[in-house]
Amino acid sequence: MVLLLIIACTLLTGAGAVALAGATLLLSEPARKRLTPLAVSYATGTLLGAALLGLLPHALAKLSAPRVLATVLAGIIAFFILEKLAIWRHCHVHKCEFHSSAGRLILIGDSLHNFVDGVAIAVGFVTSVPMGIAASVAVASHEIPQEIGDFFILLDSGFTRGKAFAYNLLSGLAVVVGGVLAYAWVSMAGSVAPYITAFSAASFVYIALADLIPGHRQETNLRSIVQQLGLILAGISTIVLLHGAL
């Protein structure tokens, strides 16, 4: 039952995010520019909520605080290194300076990123169904704005719309592979589950703090700040409600 839930949610998350992102190509550029920051703010809240209110408490229930925090620290450093190697990056704008001419490279990075997201979803479901669903929501919410940016990067790199969609879809399905392999790994060696949980939390925290929040820091308009804060709190509330309702 747990494996079926993992497959269903990772498949829905991977393919669904690509499909919704692809659909935004039908919108006007001004509409996309208005919607993407809103989605990023909401994603920030879901990622932080899932990591700090869901994944980390479960890891701390099984391991000592020093071990959990050391694993999180190691995860953050690992993602920093991957980012410096140009194979881990969240691009959610049309013109991404980091990947401005690296269409094929971003597909490799996205596949790795989606694989890690699949691991987070699997670990969530192994912990509890509510945690698995909360992790799925967090993954989906940050994948959609990322995929929007990826589409434009691929198009700017010379891909046709059909090829951009197909390659993004293949990259998105890496989340299913990550979910299934993580479930098999945890089933064979349950003692590693808390460490994988902490590592997954590190990926959520890193994405939120290193990739998503910096894009908001330049905004000084009071209305925009209130809007961003409201959506971040809405994302956190979604995670809290999922834990309480399921």
C-alpha atoms as a PDB file:
ATOM      1  CA  MET A   1       0.000   0.000   0.000  1.00  0.00           C
ATOM      2  CA  VAL A   2       2.801   2.421   0.921  1.00  0.00           C
ATOM      3  CA  LEU A   3       4.710   1.632  -2.270  1.00  0.00           C
ATOM      4  CA  LEU A   4       1.584   2.253  -4.366  1.00  0.00           C
ATOM      5  CA  LEU A   5       1.073   5.611  -2.652  1.00  0.00           C
ATOM      6  CA  ILE A   6       4.693   6.532  -3.329  1.00  0.00           C
ATOM      7  CA  ILE A   7       4.418   5.609  -7.009  1.00  0.00           C
ATOM      8  CA  ALA A   8       1.105   7.437  -7.411  1.00  0.00           C
ATOM      9  CA  CYS A   9       2.258  10.627  -5.689  1.00  0.00           C
ATOM     10  CA  THR A  10       5.674  10.761  -7.348  1.00  0.00           C
ATOM     11  CA  LEU A  11       4.120  10.133 -10.760  1.00  0.00           C
ATOM     12  CA  LEU A  12       1.461  12.784 -10.172  1.00  0.00           C
ATOM     13  CA  THR A  13       4.035  15.225  -8.847  1.00  0.00           C
ATOM     14  CA  GLY A  14       6.579  14.706 -11.618  1.00  0.00           C
ATOM     15  CA  ALA A  15       4.251  14.577 -14.607  1.00  0.00           C
ATOM     16  CA  GLY A  16       1.732  17.003 -13.130  1.00  0.00           C
ATOM     17  CA  ALA A  17       4.280  19.731 -12.460  1.00  0.00           C
ATOM     18  CA  VAL A  18       5.615  19.499 -16.012  1.00  0.00           C
ATOM     19  CA  ALA A  19       2.092  19.545 -17.477  1.00  0.00           C
ATOM     20  CA  LEU A  20       1.020  22.586 -15.443  1.00  0.00           C
ATOM     21  CA  ALA A  21       4.265  24.394 -16.216  1.00  0.00           C
ATOM     22  CA  GLY A  22       3.829  23.606 -19.911  1.00  0.00           C
ATOM     23  CA  ALA A  23       0.311  25.000 -19.795  1.00  0.00           C
ATOM     24  CA  THR A  24       1.665  28.365 -18.664  1.00  0.00           C
ATOM     25  CA  LEU A  25       3.298  28.720 -22.080  1.00  0.00           C
ATOM     26  CA  LEU A  26      -0.190  29.521 -23.302  1.00  0.00           C
ATOM     27  CA  LEU A  27      -0.373  32.520 -20.965  1.00  0.00           C
ATOM     28  CA  SER A  28       0.927  35.951 -21.820  1.00  0.00           C
ATOM     29  CA  GLU A  29       4.343  36.900 -20.468  1.00  0.00           C
ATOM     30  CA  PRO A  30       2.887  39.551 -18.098  1.00  0.00           C
ATOM     31  CA  ALA A  31       0.545  36.913 -16.644  1.00  0.00           C
ATOM     32  CA  ARG A  32       3.434  34.500 -16.092  1.00  0.00           C
ATOM     33  CA  LYS A  33       5.476  37.233 -14.439  1.00  0.00           C
ATOM     34  CA  ARG A  34       2.629  37.870 -12.008  1.00  0.00           C
ATOM     35  CA  LEU A  35       1.919  34.219 -11.230  1.00  0.00           C
ATOM     36  CA  THR A  36       5.447  32.852 -10.846  1.00  0.00           C
ATOM     37  CA  PRO A  37       6.464  34.981  -7.815  1.00  0.00           C
ATOM     38  CA  LEU A  38       3.214  34.016  -6.108  1.00  0.00           C
ATOM     39  CA  ALA A  39       3.910  30.331  -6.682  1.00  0.00           C
ATOM     40  CA  VAL A  40       7.487  30.757  -5.412  1.00  0.00           C
ATOM     41  CA  SER A  41       6.280  32.403  -2.182  1.00  0.00           C
ATOM     42  CA  TYR A  42       3.799  29.610  -1.533  1.00  0.00           C
ATOM     43  CA  ALA A  43       6.457  27.001  -2.333  1.00  0.00           C
ATOM     44  CA  THR A  44       8.815  28.601   0.181  1.00  0.00           C
ATOM     45  CA  GLY A  45       6.254  28.112   2.930  1.00  0.00           C
ATOM     46  CA  THR A  46       5.490  24.499   2.037  1.00  0.00           C
ATOM     47  CA  LEU A  47       9.175  23.569   1.860  1.00  0.00           C
ATOM     48  CA  LEU A  48      10.039  25.146   5.206  1.00  0.00           C
ATOM     49  CA  GLY A  49       6.907  23.734   6.823  1.00  0.00           C
ATOM     50  CA  ALA A  50       7.522  20.209   5.554  1.00  0.00           C
ATOM     51  CA  ALA A  51      11.188  20.309   6.600  1.00  0.00           C
ATOM     52  CA  LEU A  52      10.944  21.974  10.006  1.00  0.00           C
ATOM     53  CA  LEU A  53       7.518  20.789  11.158  1.00  0.00           C
ATOM     54  CA  GLY A  54       7.444  17.363   9.519  1.00  0.00           C
ATOM     55  CA  LEU A  55      10.685  15.729   8.436  1.00  0.00           C
ATOM     56  CA  LEU A  56      13.060  16.992  11.115  1.00  0.00           C
ATOM     57  CA  PRO A  57      10.820  16.171  14.115  1.00  0.00           C
ATOM     58  CA  HIS A  58      10.496  12.594  12.831  1.00  0.00           C
ATOM     59  CA  ALA A  59      14.261  12.301  12.406  1.00  0.00           C
ATOM     60  CA  LEU A  60      14.815  13.702  15.904  1.00  0.00           C
ATOM     61  CA  ALA A  61      12.448  11.094  17.311  1.00  0.00           C
ATOM     62  CA  LYS A  62      14.775   8.343  16.069  1.00  0.00           C
ATOM     63  CA  LEU A  63      18.237   9.908  16.335  1.00  0.00           C
ATOM     64  CA  SER A  64      20.062  12.206  18.722  1.00  0.00           C
ATOM     65  CA  ALA A  65      19.972  15.913  17.890  1.00  0.00           C
ATOM     66  CA  PRO A  66      23.728  16.093  17.096  1.00  0.00           C
ATOM     67  CA  ARG A  67      23.411  13.288  14.524  1.00  0.00           C
ATOM     68  CA  VAL A  68      20.345  14.824  12.892  1.00  0.00           C
ATOM     69  CA  LEU A  69      21.862  18.303  12.740  1.00  0.00           C
ATOM     70  CA  ALA A  70      25.157  16.925  11.436  1.00  0.00           C
ATOM     71  CA  THR A  71      23.260  15.148   8.653  1.00  0.00           C
ATOM     72  CA  VAL A  72      21.374  18.334   7.787  1.00  0.00           C
ATOM     73  CA  LEU A  73      24.632  20.283   7.739  1.00  0.00           C
ATOM     74  CA  ALA A  74      26.243  17.671   5.499  1.00  0.00           C
ATOM     75  CA  GLY A  75      23.239  17.836   3.178  1.00  0.00           C
ATOM     76  CA  ILE A  76      23.375  21.623   2.912  1.00  0.00           C
ATOM     77  CA  ILE A  77      27.098  21.509   2.117  1.00  0.00           C
ATOM     78  CA  ALA A  78      26.498  18.755  -0.461  1.00  0.00           C
ATOM     79  CA  PHE A  79      23.823  20.798  -2.239  1.00  0.00           C
ATOM     80  CA  PHE A  80      26.066  23.871  -2.149  1.00  0.00           C
ATOM     81  CA  ILE A  81      28.841  21.890  -3.843  1.00  0.00           C
ATOM     82  CA  LEU A  82      26.449  20.500  -6.449  1.00  0.00           C
ATOM     83  CA  GLU A  83      25.232  24.014  -7.154  1.00  0.00           C
ATOM     84  CA  LYS A  84      28.796  25.222  -7.646  1.00  0.00           C
ATOM     85  CA  LEU A  85      29.347  22.344 -10.068  1.00  0.00           C
ATOM     86  CA  ALA A  86      26.377  23.702 -12.035  1.00  0.00           C
ATOM     87  CA  ILE A  87      24.271  20.559 -11.662  1.00  0.00           C
ATOM     88  CA  TRP A  88      21.869  21.770  -8.990  1.00  0.00           C
ATOM     89  CA  ARG A  89      19.941  24.970  -9.441  1.00  0.00           C
ATOM     90  CA  HIS A  90      16.396  26.271  -9.181  1.00  0.00           C
ATOM     91  CA  CYS A  91      15.581  28.365 -12.222  1.00  0.00           C
ATOM     92  CA  HIS A  92      12.130  29.891 -12.035  1.00  0.00           C
ATOM     93  CA  VAL A  93      12.505  32.952 -14.234  1.00  0.00           C
ATOM     94  CA  HIS A  94      12.666  33.413 -17.977  1.00  0.00           C
ATOM     95  CA  LYS A  95      16.259  34.650 -18.008  1.00  0.00           C
ATOM     96  CA  CYS A  96      18.277  32.568 -15.592  1.00  0.00           C
ATOM     97  CA  GLU A  97      21.856  33.868 -15.486  1.00  0.00           C
ATOM     98  CA  PHE A  98      23.142  30.598 -14.060  1.00  0.00           C
ATOM     99  CA  HIS A  99      21.776  28.433 -16.852  1.00  0.00           C
ATOM    100  CA  SER A 100      21.367  30.987 -19.607  1.00  0.00           C
ATOM    101  CA  SER A 101      22.981  28.722 -22.222  1.00  0.00           C
ATOM    102  CA  ALA A 102      22.984  25.311 -20.590  1.00  0.00           C
ATOM    103  CA  GLY A 103      19.855  23.522 -21.783  1.00  0.00           C
ATOM    104  CA  ARG A 104      21.273  20.003 -21.658  1.00  0.00           C
ATOM    105  CA  LEU A 105      23.096  20.649 -18.402  1.00  0.00           C
ATOM    106  CA  ILE A 106      19.920  21.740 -16.669  1.00  0.00           C
ATOM    107  CA  LEU A 107      18.242  18.484 -17.680  1.00  0.00           C
ATOM    108  CA  ILE A 108      20.957  16.583 -15.834  1.00  0.00           C
ATOM    109  CA  GLY A 109      20.609  18.828 -12.812  1.00  0.00           C
ATOM    110  CA  ASP A 110      16.830  18.569 -12.854  1.00  0.00           C
ATOM    111  CA  SER A 111      16.968  14.784 -13.020  1.00  0.00           C
ATOM    112  CA  LEU A 112      19.186  14.697  -9.936  1.00  0.00           C
ATOM    113  CA  HIS A 113      16.993  17.240  -8.203  1.00  0.00           C
ATOM    114  CA  ASN A 114      13.820  15.300  -9.004  1.00  0.00           C
ATOM    115  CA  PHE A 115      15.449  12.079  -7.815  1.00  0.00           C
ATOM    116  CA  VAL A 116      16.128  13.702  -4.424  1.00  0.00           C
ATOM    117  CA  ASP A 117      12.534  14.968  -4.319  1.00  0.00           C
ATOM    118  CA  GLY A 118      11.340  11.405  -4.904  1.00  0.00           C
ATOM    119  CA  VAL A 119      13.474  10.251  -1.977  1.00  0.00           C
ATOM    120  CA  ALA A 120      11.864  12.909   0.230  1.00  0.00           C
ATOM    121  CA  ILE A 121       8.364  11.783  -0.763  1.00  0.00           C
ATOM    122  CA  ALA A 122       9.194   8.115  -0.147  1.00  0.00           C
ATOM    123  CA  VAL A 123      10.706   8.834   3.263  1.00  0.00           C
ATOM    124  CA  GLY A 124       7.625  10.876   4.113  1.00  0.00           C
ATOM    125  CA  PHE A 125       5.273   7.997   3.338  1.00  0.00           C
ATOM    126  CA  VAL A 126       7.444   5.491   5.185  1.00  0.00           C
ATOM    127  CA  THR A 127       7.194   7.794   8.208  1.00  0.00           C
ATOM    128  CA  SER A 128       3.432   8.329   7.913  1.00  0.00           C
ATOM    129  CA  VAL A 129       0.811   8.903   5.231  1.00  0.00           C
ATOM    130  CA  PRO A 130       0.214  12.543   6.314  1.00  0.00           C
ATOM    131  CA  MET A 131       3.941  13.243   6.126  1.00  0.00           C
ATOM    132  CA  GLY A 132       4.115  11.660   2.684  1.00  0.00           C
ATOM    133  CA  ILE A 133       1.268  13.788   1.383  1.00  0.00           C
ATOM    134  CA  ALA A 134       2.768  16.916   2.957  1.00  0.00           C
ATOM    135  CA  ALA A 135       6.121  16.165   1.298  1.00  0.00           C
ATOM    136  CA  SER A 136       4.332  15.616  -2.041  1.00  0.00           C
ATOM    137  CA  VAL A 137       2.608  19.004  -1.754  1.00  0.00           C
ATOM    138  CA  ALA A 138       5.915  20.694  -0.908  1.00  0.00           C
ATOM    139  CA  VAL A 139       7.639  19.057  -3.878  1.00  0.00           C
ATOM    140  CA  ALA A 140       4.831  19.879  -6.301  1.00  0.00           C
ATOM    141  CA  SER A 141       4.604  23.501  -5.197  1.00  0.00           C
ATOM    142  CA  HIS A 142       8.265  24.230  -5.858  1.00  0.00           C
ATOM    143  CA  GLU A 143       8.515  22.073  -8.981  1.00  0.00           C
ATOM    144  CA  ILE A 144       5.908  24.043 -10.921  1.00  0.00           C
ATOM    145  CA  PRO A 145       7.717  27.428 -10.893  1.00  0.00           C
ATOM    146  CA  GLN A 146      11.020  25.648 -11.508  1.00  0.00           C
ATOM    147  CA  GLU A 147       9.642  23.821 -14.543  1.00  0.00           C
ATOM    148  CA  ILE A 148       8.302  27.095 -15.931  1.00  0.00           C
ATOM    149  CA  GLY A 149      11.816  28.509 -15.871  1.00  0.00           C
ATOM    150  CA  ASP A 150      13.228  25.295 -17.309  1.00  0.00           C
ATOM    151  CA  PHE A 151      10.892  25.447 -20.299  1.00  0.00           C
ATOM    152  CA  PHE A 152      12.174  28.868 -21.267  1.00  0.00           C
ATOM    153  CA  ILE A 153      15.797  27.875 -20.749  1.00  0.00           C
ATOM    154  CA  LEU A 154      15.347  24.890 -23.066  1.00  0.00           C
ATOM    155  CA  LEU A 155      13.533  27.020 -25.649  1.00  0.00           C
ATOM    156  CA  ASP A 156      16.297  29.625 -25.491  1.00  0.00           C
ATOM    157  CA  SER A 157      18.818  26.801 -25.974  1.00  0.00           C
ATOM    158  CA  GLY A 158      17.212  25.820 -29.288  1.00  0.00           C
ATOM    159  CA  PHE A 159      14.740  23.123 -28.232  1.00  0.00           C
ATOM    160  CA  THR A 160      11.339  23.077 -29.924  1.00  0.00           C
ATOM    161  CA  ARG A 161       8.297  23.250 -27.634  1.00  0.00           C
ATOM    162  CA  GLY A 162       7.596  19.566 -28.234  1.00  0.00           C
ATOM    163  CA  LYS A 163      11.139  18.509 -27.375  1.00  0.00           C
ATOM    164  CA  ALA A 164      11.279  20.844 -24.368  1.00  0.00           C
ATOM    165  CA  PHE A 165       8.106  19.256 -23.008  1.00  0.00           C
ATOM    166  CA  ALA A 166       9.285  15.698 -23.713  1.00  0.00           C
ATOM    167  CA  TYR A 167      12.711  16.166 -22.127  1.00  0.00           C
ATOM    168  CA  ASN A 168      11.235  17.982 -19.132  1.00  0.00           C
ATOM    169  CA  LEU A 169       8.770  15.125 -18.689  1.00  0.00           C
ATOM    170  CA  LEU A 170      11.549  12.528 -18.753  1.00  0.00           C
ATOM    171  CA  SER A 171      13.503  14.578 -16.238  1.00  0.00           C
ATOM    172  CA  GLY A 172      10.394  14.927 -14.076  1.00  0.00           C
ATOM    173  CA  LEU A 173       9.878  11.163 -13.960  1.00  0.00           C
ATOM    174  CA  ALA A 174      13.197  10.817 -12.108  1.00  0.00           C
ATOM    175  CA  VAL A 175      11.114  11.598  -9.026  1.00  0.00           C
ATOM    176  CA  VAL A 176       9.411   8.199  -9.448  1.00  0.00           C
ATOM    177  CA  VAL A 177      12.773   6.433  -9.655  1.00  0.00           C
ATOM    178  CA  GLY A 178      13.980   8.210  -6.529  1.00  0.00           C
ATOM    179  CA  GLY A 179      10.812   7.311  -4.650  1.00  0.00           C
ATOM    180  CA  VAL A 180      10.879   3.609  -5.534  1.00  0.00           C
ATOM    181  CA  LEU A 181      14.606   3.176  -4.851  1.00  0.00           C
ATOM    182  CA  ALA A 182      14.373   5.031  -1.544  1.00  0.00           C
ATOM    183  CA  TYR A 183      11.466   2.837  -0.455  1.00  0.00           C
ATOM    184  CA  ALA A 184      13.441  -0.302  -1.322  1.00  0.00           C
ATOM    185  CA  TRP A 185      16.520   1.012   0.469  1.00  0.00           C
ATOM    186  CA  VAL A 186      14.637   1.942   3.629  1.00  0.00           C
ATOM    187  CA  SER A 187      12.799  -1.407   3.585  1.00  0.00           C
ATOM    188  CA  MET A 188      16.108  -3.287   3.469  1.00  0.00           C
ATOM    189  CA  ALA A 189      17.913  -1.085   5.997  1.00  0.00           C
ATOM    190  CA  GLY A 190      15.376   0.675   8.187  1.00  0.00           C
ATOM    191  CA  SER A 191      18.134   2.150  10.351  1.00  0.00           C
ATOM    192  CA  VAL A 192      19.084   4.554   7.552  1.00  0.00           C
ATOM    193  CA  ALA A 193      15.594   6.063   7.361  1.00  0.00           C
ATOM    194  CA  PRO A 194      16.194   8.841   9.941  1.00  0.00           C
ATOM    195  CA  TYR A 195      19.375   9.892   8.142  1.00  0.00           C
ATOM    196  CA  ILE A 196      17.583  10.002   4.777  1.00  0.00           C
ATOM    197  CA  THR A 197      14.780  11.978   6.433  1.00  0.00           C
ATOM    198  CA  ALA A 198      17.252  14.549   7.754  1.00  0.00           C
ATOM    199  CA  PHE A 199      19.023  14.716   4.363  1.00  0.00           C
ATOM    200  CA  SER A 200      15.668  15.275   2.637  1.00  0.00           C
ATOM    201  CA  ALA A 201      14.883  18.057   5.094  1.00  0.00           C
ATOM    202  CA  ALA A 202      18.233  19.632   4.193  1.00  0.00           C
ATOM    203  CA  SER A 203      17.271  19.680   0.510  1.00  0.00           C
ATOM    204  CA  PHE A 204      13.978  21.453   1.298  1.00  0.00           C
ATOM    205  CA  VAL A 205      15.670  24.022   3.554  1.00  0.00           C
ATOM    206  CA  TYR A 206      18.438  24.662   1.034  1.00  0.00           C
ATOM    207  CA  ILE A 207      16.013  25.206  -1.841  1.00  0.00           C
ATOM    208  CA  ALA A 208      13.871  27.557   0.224  1.00  0.00           C
ATOM    209  CA  LEU A 209      16.667  29.638   1.743  1.00  0.00           C
ATOM    210  CA  ALA A 210      19.294  29.589  -1.020  1.00  0.00           C
ATOM    211  CA  ASP A 211      17.144  29.613  -4.161  1.00  0.00           C
ATOM    212  CA  LEU A 212      13.638  30.891  -3.444  1.00  0.00           C
ATOM    213  CA  ILE A 213      13.858  33.510  -0.683  1.00  0.00           C
ATOM    214  CA  PRO A 214      16.768  35.520  -2.202  1.00  0.00           C
ATOM    215  CA  GLY A 215      14.547  36.389  -5.160  1.00  0.00           C
ATOM    216  CA  HIS A 216      12.160  38.134  -2.773  1.00  0.00           C
ATOM    217  CA  ARG A 217      14.711  40.134  -0.837  1.00  0.00           C
ATOM    218  CA  GLN A 218      14.967  42.847  -3.481  1.00  0.00           C
ATOM    219  CA  GLU A 219      11.269  43.619  -3.175  1.00  0.00           C
ATOM    220  CA  THR A 220      10.661  46.750  -1.048  1.00  0.00           C
ATOM    221  CA  ASN A 221       7.058  47.504  -1.970  1.00  0.00           C
ATOM    222  CA  LEU A 222       4.916  47.083   1.168  1.00  0.00           C
ATOM    223  CA  ARG A 223       2.031  45.490  -0.723  1.00  0.00           C
ATOM    224  CA  SER A 224       4.326  42.911  -2.315  1.00  0.00           C
ATOM    225  CA  ILE A 225       6.017  42.154   1.000  1.00  0.00           C
ATOM    226  CA  VAL A 226       2.667  41.553   2.703  1.00  0.00           C
ATOM    227  CA  GLN A 227       1.560  39.388  -0.222  1.00  0.00           C
ATOM    228  CA  GLN A 228       4.737  37.319  -0.102  1.00  0.00           C
ATOM    229  CA  LEU A 229       4.507  36.865   3.657  1.00  0.00           C
ATOM    230  CA  GLY A 230       0.866  35.868   3.387  1.00  0.00           C
ATOM    231  CA  LEU A 231       1.634  33.211   0.773  1.00  0.00           C
ATOM    232  CA  ILE A 232       4.596  31.868   2.756  1.00  0.00           C
ATOM    233  CA  LEU A 233       2.329  31.542   5.796  1.00  0.00           C
ATOM    234  CA  ALA A 234      -0.320  29.922   3.581  1.00  0.00           C
ATOM    235  CA  GLY A 235       2.239  27.336   2.488  1.00  0.00           C
ATOM    236  CA  ILE A 236       3.204  26.598   6.084  1.00  0.00           C
ATOM    237  CA  SER A 237      -0.476  26.402   7.058  1.00  0.00           C
ATOM    238  CA  THR A 238      -1.087  23.880   4.289  1.00  0.00           C
ATOM    239  CA  ILE A 239       1.502  21.542   5.790  1.00  0.00           C
ATOM    240  CA  VAL A 240       0.077  22.019   9.308  1.00  0.00           C
ATOM    241  CA  LEU A 241      -3.468  21.340   8.100  1.00  0.00           C
ATOM    242  CA  LEU A 242      -2.389  18.203   6.233  1.00  0.00           C
ATOM    243  CA  HIS A 243      -0.857  16.836   9.422  1.00  0.00           C
ATOM    244  CA  GLY A 244      -3.980  17.589  11.401  1.00  0.00           C
ATOM    245  CA  ALA A 245      -6.557  16.481   8.847  1.00  0.00           C
ATOM    246  CA  LEU A 246      -5.081  13.127   7.789  1.00  0.00           C
END
